[in-house]
Amino acid sequence: MTGFARIALATLLSAAIALPAAAGPREQAKRIHDRLAGVPPSEAVLTQMESAITGGNPAAAADIAMDDENFYNVTLKNFVAPWTNRDRSVFVPLNDYIATVIGMIRDDVPFNTLLSADLTYVGSSGPAPSASSNAHYEQLEANHANLRDELVATSQSSITGIPSSATAGIMTSRAASEAFFIAGTNRAMFRFTLLNHMCNDLEQVHDVNLSPDRIRQDVSRSPGGDSRLFLNNCIGCHTGMDPLAGAFAYYNYNEDTGRLEYTPGNVQPKYFNNDLNFPQGYRTTDDSWLNYWREGQNAYLGFDQSLPGSGNGAKSMGEELANSYAFAACQVKKVFRAVCLRDAENATDRDKVDEITNTFRSSGYRMKQVFADTAVHCMGQ
């Protein structure tokens, strides 16, 4: 054999060794279970899932994996926890926000109601759920409750005491209120809702070409004495955020009582903080909101044209956000990252994300289907 032939043969052998072997049905089944439940399957479950894959029904295998209690107690808890706090930390106790999302996913509640429903989930044991304490959920976690079986749906208004018309899904949960309605100017609730549920921070939706007529009085029009800073920077976030955040004008988290306050007809005083910075600015008089992002560069967010694009209160504003294409795509992207352990990185991945997003929107906004479809896509990797 010539030297060239030996080199060629060595190259071919190296390439063959480097190529990963295609995962068979059993390996694919184990991968689906590991990714969805976070624990290895029992031999019986693995065999059942393998049979489903061999039979051409990998989605059924994913359903089997999602029946494991660890899908709810561990995978979903860790999936949701970062949305509930400003640090976006997974290391937080179980709370009403997390429990509600887990319950909605378990029960196939349309996920586009996440930001508007009068809905919360509680445990069937332990201390009674309270509008002023998280003890109920902390006790559930301390008792290692099986959240797959333990959670029960109830109305949020029956616990918080605010009117059903003022509930706005997880935005008016106690955990979200404590994190995002406390002090400040209520812009935090909007910013973190945008970040967590539309996968955009304010920098990504920055638009200096919209009308500044709803920017509040606390925003200086010449920070540091230079109006160019406002015209080229500040205005880009506030033209979209301030008109929408008006929906939260009647909400406040009272740190002393530990509960969400709702004051219909009375704008919270925090909306007038630093109102002398620019007295000619917009002074909030009610909880009306407008979505200026329906026009201009942010129209790509895909807001539902059957909705009016304006209204009063957090519930209708939550419907506006959660019925956008960006909201649906964001949920799919988050699931893809959690299940595939990476972002979509090539054309095949991106096409699959688009496909799953469209199915999600057209099939009742079922999050379990998103998890199943994503796990099947990544089962051979």
Protein backbone atom coordinates (compact mmCIF):
# COMPACT_ATOMS: atom_id res chain seq x y z
CA MET A 1 0.00 0.00 0.00
CA THR A 2 1.37 3.39 -0.97
CA GLY A 3 1.84 6.16 1.51
CA PHE A 4 -1.01 8.09 -0.08
CA ALA A 5 -3.35 5.08 0.21
CA ARG A 6 -2.43 4.60 3.86
CA ILE A 7 -3.22 8.26 4.58
CA ALA A 8 -6.53 8.01 2.71
CA LEU A 9 -7.52 4.85 4.61
CA ALA A 10 -6.60 6.41 7.96
CA THR A 11 -8.69 9.48 7.10
CA LEU A 12 -11.71 7.34 6.23
CA LEU A 13 -11.39 5.31 9.43
CA SER A 14 -11.10 8.49 11.51
CA ALA A 15 -14.21 9.92 9.87
CA ALA A 16 -16.14 6.73 10.49
CA ILE A 17 -15.15 6.75 14.14
CA ALA A 18 -16.13 10.45 14.49
CA LEU A 19 -19.59 9.95 13.00
CA PRO A 20 -22.17 9.31 15.75
CA ALA A 21 -24.17 6.14 15.38
CA ALA A 22 -27.83 6.76 14.68
CA ALA A 23 -29.85 6.31 17.83
CA GLY A 24 -32.20 3.33 17.70
CA PRO A 25 -35.78 3.33 19.03
CA ARG A 26 -34.70 2.32 22.54
CA GLU A 27 -32.06 5.02 22.74
CA GLN A 28 -34.55 7.54 21.34
CA ALA A 29 -37.13 6.52 23.93
CA LYS A 30 -34.63 6.97 26.75
CA ARG A 31 -33.59 10.35 25.43
CA ILE A 32 -37.21 11.54 25.27
CA HIS A 33 -37.82 10.40 28.85
CA ASP A 34 -34.58 11.92 30.14
CA ARG A 35 -35.32 15.28 28.53
CA LEU A 36 -38.98 15.49 29.58
CA ALA A 37 -38.99 13.85 33.00
CA GLY A 38 -35.37 14.46 33.95
CA VAL A 39 -34.99 10.93 35.32
CA PRO A 40 -34.31 7.53 33.69
CA PRO A 41 -37.42 5.51 32.82
CA SER A 42 -38.20 2.16 34.39
CA GLU A 43 -37.62 -0.88 32.21
CA ALA A 44 -41.36 -1.31 31.67
CA VAL A 45 -41.87 2.32 30.70
CA LEU A 46 -38.84 2.27 28.41
CA THR A 47 -40.16 -0.81 26.62
CA GLN A 48 -43.58 0.80 26.23
CA MET A 49 -42.05 3.95 24.78
CA GLU A 50 -39.78 1.95 22.47
CA SER A 51 -42.81 0.10 21.12
CA ALA A 52 -44.56 3.40 20.40
CA ILE A 53 -41.55 4.69 18.46
CA THR A 54 -41.12 1.43 16.58
CA GLY A 55 -44.81 1.62 15.71
CA GLY A 56 -44.33 5.03 14.15
CA ASN A 57 -45.91 7.04 16.98
CA PRO A 58 -43.10 8.85 18.84
CA ALA A 59 -45.61 11.44 20.12
CA ALA A 60 -47.23 8.67 22.17
CA ALA A 61 -43.83 7.92 23.67
CA ALA A 62 -43.54 11.59 24.69
CA ASP A 63 -47.00 11.43 26.28
CA ILE A 64 -45.86 8.46 28.35
CA ALA A 65 -42.81 10.39 29.54
CA MET A 66 -44.95 13.39 30.46
CA ASP A 67 -47.08 11.21 32.70
CA ASP A 68 -44.11 10.89 35.04
CA GLU A 69 -44.62 13.07 38.11
CA ASN A 70 -41.12 14.47 37.68
CA PHE A 71 -42.24 16.21 34.50
CA TYR A 72 -44.43 18.39 36.72
CA ASN A 73 -42.45 18.50 39.96
CA VAL A 74 -39.03 19.09 38.42
CA THR A 75 -39.02 19.86 34.69
CA LEU A 76 -41.95 22.27 34.64
CA LYS A 77 -41.14 23.80 38.00
CA ASN A 78 -37.63 24.65 36.83
CA PHE A 79 -38.99 25.78 33.46
CA VAL A 80 -41.36 28.33 35.03
CA ALA A 81 -39.49 29.48 38.15
CA PRO A 82 -37.22 32.05 36.39
CA TRP A 83 -40.27 33.91 35.09
CA THR A 84 -41.43 34.69 38.62
CA ASN A 85 -38.62 36.89 39.91
CA ARG A 86 -36.44 39.80 38.81
CA ASP A 87 -33.23 37.78 39.07
CA ARG A 88 -34.74 35.14 36.79
CA SER A 89 -33.49 32.55 39.23
CA VAL A 90 -34.65 28.93 39.28
CA PHE A 91 -33.93 28.76 43.01
CA VAL A 92 -37.26 30.00 44.35
CA PRO A 93 -39.97 28.25 46.37
CA LEU A 94 -43.07 26.89 44.68
CA ASN A 95 -45.64 29.69 44.41
CA ASP A 96 -49.02 30.43 42.84
CA TYR A 97 -47.47 31.59 39.55
CA ILE A 98 -45.50 28.35 39.11
CA ALA A 99 -48.38 26.15 40.25
CA THR A 100 -50.79 27.87 37.85
CA VAL A 101 -48.56 27.37 34.82
CA ILE A 102 -47.99 23.72 35.76
CA GLY A 103 -51.73 23.18 36.16
CA MET A 104 -52.53 24.86 32.87
CA ILE A 105 -50.02 22.67 31.03
CA ARG A 106 -51.28 19.51 32.72
CA ASP A 107 -54.92 20.27 31.91
CA ASP A 108 -54.33 21.55 28.37
CA VAL A 109 -55.80 24.94 29.27
CA PRO A 110 -55.28 27.19 26.21
CA PHE A 111 -52.00 28.91 26.98
CA ASN A 112 -53.01 32.14 25.25
CA THR A 113 -55.14 32.78 28.38
CA LEU A 114 -51.99 32.85 30.54
CA LEU A 115 -52.09 36.66 30.84
CA SER A 116 -55.85 37.13 31.20
CA ALA A 117 -57.63 34.22 32.91
CA ASP A 118 -59.32 34.34 36.31
CA LEU A 119 -57.49 31.16 37.20
CA THR A 120 -55.09 29.81 39.75
CA TYR A 121 -54.10 26.36 40.95
CA VAL A 122 -53.90 25.31 44.56
CA GLY A 123 -53.06 22.12 46.40
CA SER A 124 -55.70 19.85 47.85
CA SER A 125 -53.91 19.70 51.21
CA GLY A 126 -51.94 21.86 53.62
CA PRO A 127 -52.77 25.35 54.92
CA ALA A 128 -55.42 27.25 53.01
CA PRO A 129 -54.14 29.38 50.10
CA SER A 130 -53.87 33.02 51.09
CA ALA A 131 -53.72 36.36 49.30
CA SER A 132 -51.08 37.51 51.78
CA SER A 133 -48.82 34.49 52.19
CA ASN A 134 -46.99 31.86 50.16
CA ALA A 135 -47.15 29.33 53.00
CA HIS A 136 -49.65 27.08 51.17
CA TYR A 137 -47.27 26.45 48.29
CA GLU A 138 -44.16 26.23 50.43
CA GLN A 139 -45.86 23.53 52.49
CA LEU A 140 -46.78 21.61 49.33
CA GLU A 141 -43.14 21.64 48.32
CA ALA A 142 -41.93 20.71 51.81
CA ASN A 143 -44.30 17.72 51.77
CA HIS A 144 -42.98 16.64 48.35
CA ALA A 145 -46.49 16.78 46.96
CA ASN A 146 -47.04 15.13 43.60
CA LEU A 147 -48.10 18.19 41.59
CA ARG A 148 -49.40 16.01 38.77
CA ASP A 149 -52.17 14.77 41.08
CA GLU A 150 -52.28 17.42 43.79
CA LEU A 151 -53.10 20.64 41.93
CA VAL A 152 -56.70 21.79 41.65
CA ALA A 153 -58.02 24.67 39.54
CA THR A 154 -59.93 27.51 41.15
CA SER A 155 -60.66 31.16 40.43
CA GLN A 156 -57.92 33.61 41.28
CA SER A 157 -60.50 36.20 42.34
CA SER A 158 -61.84 33.89 45.06
CA ILE A 159 -58.43 34.00 46.78
CA THR A 160 -57.16 37.51 46.05
CA GLY A 161 -60.52 39.21 46.55
CA ILE A 162 -60.11 41.40 43.47
CA PRO A 163 -62.92 41.38 40.87
CA SER A 164 -62.80 38.71 38.20
CA SER A 165 -62.71 41.48 35.58
CA ALA A 166 -59.45 42.74 37.13
CA THR A 167 -57.65 39.39 37.13
CA ALA A 168 -55.00 38.96 34.44
CA GLY A 169 -53.71 35.42 34.75
CA ILE A 170 -50.22 35.11 36.13
CA MET A 171 -49.68 38.90 35.98
CA THR A 172 -52.04 39.26 38.96
CA SER A 173 -50.73 36.21 40.79
CA ARG A 174 -49.33 36.92 44.22
CA ALA A 175 -45.79 35.91 43.19
CA ALA A 176 -45.75 38.19 40.13
CA SER A 177 -47.27 41.04 42.11
CA GLU A 178 -44.62 40.74 44.81
CA ALA A 179 -41.84 40.71 42.21
CA PHE A 180 -43.08 43.27 39.69
CA PHE A 181 -45.83 45.46 41.20
CA ILE A 182 -43.86 46.40 44.30
CA ALA A 183 -42.80 50.08 44.58
CA GLY A 184 -41.43 51.50 41.31
CA THR A 185 -43.81 52.70 38.62
CA ASN A 186 -45.36 49.37 37.49
CA ARG A 187 -43.21 49.39 34.36
CA ALA A 188 -41.37 46.34 35.76
CA MET A 189 -44.47 44.18 35.32
CA PHE A 190 -44.64 45.13 31.67
CA ARG A 191 -40.92 44.75 31.02
CA PHE A 192 -40.69 41.28 32.58
CA THR A 193 -43.89 40.12 30.89
CA LEU A 194 -42.38 41.19 27.57
CA LEU A 195 -39.10 39.48 28.40
CA ASN A 196 -40.54 36.23 29.74
CA HIS A 197 -43.50 35.74 27.44
CA MET A 198 -42.60 37.45 24.18
CA CYS A 199 -38.83 36.76 24.31
CA ASN A 200 -37.97 40.41 23.73
CA ASP A 201 -36.46 42.94 26.07
CA LEU A 202 -37.06 46.64 25.53
CA GLU A 203 -33.89 47.04 23.51
CA GLN A 204 -35.25 44.67 20.87
CA VAL A 205 -38.46 46.69 20.41
CA HIS A 206 -36.78 50.10 20.61
CA ASP A 207 -38.52 52.43 18.12
CA VAL A 208 -37.86 56.18 18.09
CA ASN A 209 -40.43 56.85 15.37
CA LEU A 210 -43.63 56.35 17.36
CA SER A 211 -45.73 59.07 18.95
CA PRO A 212 -44.42 60.18 22.38
CA ASP A 213 -47.84 61.46 23.52
CA ARG A 214 -48.30 58.79 26.24
CA ILE A 215 -44.83 59.05 27.79
CA ARG A 216 -45.32 59.89 31.46
CA GLN A 217 -44.20 62.97 33.32
CA ASP A 218 -41.39 61.23 35.21
CA VAL A 219 -39.33 60.76 32.05
CA SER A 220 -37.03 63.74 31.54
CA ARG A 221 -37.03 65.08 27.99
CA SER A 222 -33.46 66.29 28.41
CA PRO A 223 -31.60 63.90 30.76
CA GLY A 224 -28.36 65.46 31.87
CA GLY A 225 -29.40 68.60 30.02
CA ASP A 226 -29.12 66.92 26.61
CA SER A 227 -32.40 66.39 24.74
CA ARG A 228 -30.62 64.19 22.20
CA LEU A 229 -30.38 61.42 24.79
CA PHE A 230 -34.16 61.39 25.07
CA LEU A 231 -34.80 61.65 21.32
CA ASN A 232 -32.33 58.92 20.38
CA ASN A 233 -32.62 56.56 23.34
CA CYS A 234 -35.26 56.99 26.05
CA ILE A 235 -38.08 57.72 23.66
CA GLY A 236 -37.55 54.43 21.82
CA CYS A 237 -38.60 52.31 24.81
CA HIS A 238 -41.16 54.59 26.41
CA THR A 239 -43.24 55.26 23.28
CA GLY A 240 -44.29 51.61 23.27
CA MET A 241 -44.07 50.69 26.94
CA ASP A 242 -45.84 53.61 28.63
CA PRO A 243 -49.07 53.40 26.58
CA LEU A 244 -49.33 49.67 27.35
CA ALA A 245 -48.28 49.87 31.01
CA GLY A 246 -51.19 52.21 31.62
CA ALA A 247 -53.23 49.00 32.00
CA PHE A 248 -51.64 48.50 35.45
CA ALA A 249 -52.65 51.91 36.83
CA TYR A 250 -54.89 50.47 39.57
CA TYR A 251 -52.50 47.79 40.88
CA ASN A 252 -49.95 47.79 43.66
CA TYR A 253 -48.27 45.19 45.84
CA ASN A 254 -48.46 46.27 49.46
CA GLU A 255 -45.28 45.15 51.17
CA ASP A 256 -46.78 45.63 54.63
CA THR A 257 -49.84 43.42 54.06
CA GLY A 258 -48.14 41.08 51.60
CA ARG A 259 -50.98 41.24 49.10
CA LEU A 260 -52.01 42.73 45.78
CA GLU A 261 -54.11 45.89 46.00
CA TYR A 262 -56.60 46.89 43.30
CA THR A 263 -58.06 50.41 43.40
CA PRO A 264 -60.61 50.75 40.56
CA GLY A 265 -61.07 54.36 39.51
CA ASN A 266 -58.07 55.52 41.53
CA VAL A 267 -54.67 55.62 39.85
CA GLN A 268 -51.92 54.38 42.15
CA PRO A 269 -49.75 57.28 43.47
CA LYS A 270 -46.63 55.61 42.05
CA TYR A 271 -47.77 56.75 38.60
CA PHE A 272 -47.07 60.32 39.68
CA ASN A 273 -43.57 59.74 41.04
CA ASN A 274 -41.25 62.52 39.83
CA ASP A 275 -44.07 64.15 37.88
CA LEU A 276 -42.20 67.47 37.90
CA ASN A 277 -39.45 66.04 35.69
CA PHE A 278 -41.61 67.01 32.72
CA PRO A 279 -45.01 68.38 33.81
CA GLN A 280 -46.14 68.63 30.18
CA GLY A 281 -45.87 64.84 29.82
CA TYR A 282 -48.72 62.37 29.98
CA ARG A 283 -50.54 62.26 33.31
CA THR A 284 -52.25 58.93 33.92
CA THR A 285 -55.95 59.40 34.65
CA ASP A 286 -57.28 55.85 34.26
CA ASP A 287 -56.23 52.32 33.28
CA SER A 288 -56.57 52.76 29.52
CA TRP A 289 -53.90 51.33 27.23
CA LEU A 290 -52.86 51.62 23.59
CA ASN A 291 -50.63 49.35 21.52
CA TYR A 292 -48.51 51.55 19.26
CA TRP A 293 -46.43 48.51 18.28
CA ARG A 294 -49.12 47.41 15.85
CA GLU A 295 -47.54 49.86 13.45
CA GLY A 296 -43.95 50.42 12.37
CA GLN A 297 -40.97 48.17 12.83
CA ASN A 298 -42.56 46.12 15.63
CA ALA A 299 -45.53 45.01 13.56
CA TYR A 300 -43.53 41.79 13.07
CA LEU A 301 -44.66 40.80 16.60
CA GLY A 302 -47.86 39.75 14.88
CA PHE A 303 -50.70 41.13 16.95
CA ASP A 304 -54.16 39.68 16.35
CA GLN A 305 -55.98 42.03 13.99
CA SER A 306 -59.36 40.85 15.27
CA LEU A 307 -58.60 42.53 18.61
CA PRO A 308 -59.01 46.31 18.95
CA GLY A 309 -55.43 47.14 19.98
CA SER A 310 -56.63 49.33 22.86
CA GLY A 311 -58.74 49.01 25.96
CA ASN A 312 -58.83 49.30 29.71
CA GLY A 313 -57.19 47.19 32.35
CA ALA A 314 -54.66 44.39 32.58
CA LYS A 315 -56.98 41.61 31.41
CA SER A 316 -57.61 43.03 27.94
CA MET A 317 -53.98 44.09 27.61
CA GLY A 318 -52.93 40.54 28.51
CA GLU A 319 -55.19 39.23 25.76
CA GLU A 320 -53.50 41.60 23.32
CA LEU A 321 -50.03 40.28 24.16
CA ALA A 322 -50.89 36.59 24.47
CA ASN A 323 -52.68 36.38 21.13
CA SER A 324 -49.68 37.67 19.22
CA TYR A 325 -47.46 35.48 17.07
CA ALA A 326 -44.47 36.58 19.17
CA PHE A 327 -46.08 35.14 22.31
CA ALA A 328 -46.65 31.75 20.69
CA ALA A 329 -43.19 31.64 19.13
CA CYS A 330 -41.63 32.57 22.47
CA GLN A 331 -43.22 29.62 24.26
CA VAL A 332 -41.91 27.25 21.58
CA LYS A 333 -38.40 28.72 21.72
CA LYS A 334 -38.30 28.34 25.50
CA VAL A 335 -39.45 24.72 25.31
CA PHE A 336 -36.92 24.00 22.56
CA ARG A 337 -34.11 25.33 24.74
CA ALA A 338 -35.33 23.36 27.77
CA VAL A 339 -35.84 20.05 25.96
CA CYS A 340 -33.11 20.09 23.30
CA LEU A 341 -30.66 21.80 25.67
CA ARG A 342 -29.75 24.35 23.00
CA ASP A 343 -31.29 27.04 20.85
CA ALA A 344 -32.43 26.33 17.30
CA GLU A 345 -29.10 26.39 15.49
CA ASN A 346 -29.72 25.51 11.84
CA ALA A 347 -32.36 25.71 9.11
CA THR A 348 -33.87 22.36 10.10
CA ASP A 349 -34.28 23.50 13.71
CA ARG A 350 -35.72 26.85 12.71
CA ASP A 351 -38.20 25.26 10.32
CA LYS A 352 -39.30 22.89 13.07
CA VAL A 353 -39.75 25.78 15.53
CA ASP A 354 -41.95 27.55 12.98
CA GLU A 355 -43.94 24.37 12.36
CA ILE A 356 -44.48 23.73 16.08
CA THR A 357 -45.47 27.37 16.60
CA ASN A 358 -48.10 27.21 13.87
CA THR A 359 -49.46 23.93 15.24
CA PHE A 360 -49.54 25.43 18.74
CA ARG A 361 -51.63 28.37 17.53
CA SER A 362 -54.00 26.31 15.42
CA SER A 363 -54.55 23.46 17.88
CA GLY A 364 -55.76 25.15 21.04
CA TYR A 365 -52.47 26.47 22.43
CA ARG A 366 -51.63 23.12 24.09
CA MET A 367 -48.23 23.37 25.74
CA LYS A 368 -47.94 19.60 26.26
CA GLN A 369 -48.07 19.22 22.50
CA VAL A 370 -45.20 21.71 22.21
CA PHE A 371 -43.13 19.66 24.66
CA ALA A 372 -43.97 16.42 22.85
CA ASP A 373 -43.25 17.74 19.37
CA THR A 374 -39.96 19.25 20.51
CA ALA A 375 -38.83 16.10 22.30
CA VAL A 376 -39.54 14.05 19.17
CA HIS A 377 -37.51 16.47 17.06
CA CYS A 378 -34.50 16.09 19.36
CA MET A 379 -34.86 12.39 20.18
CA GLY A 380 -32.16 11.32 17.78
CA GLN A 381 -29.57 13.87 18.83
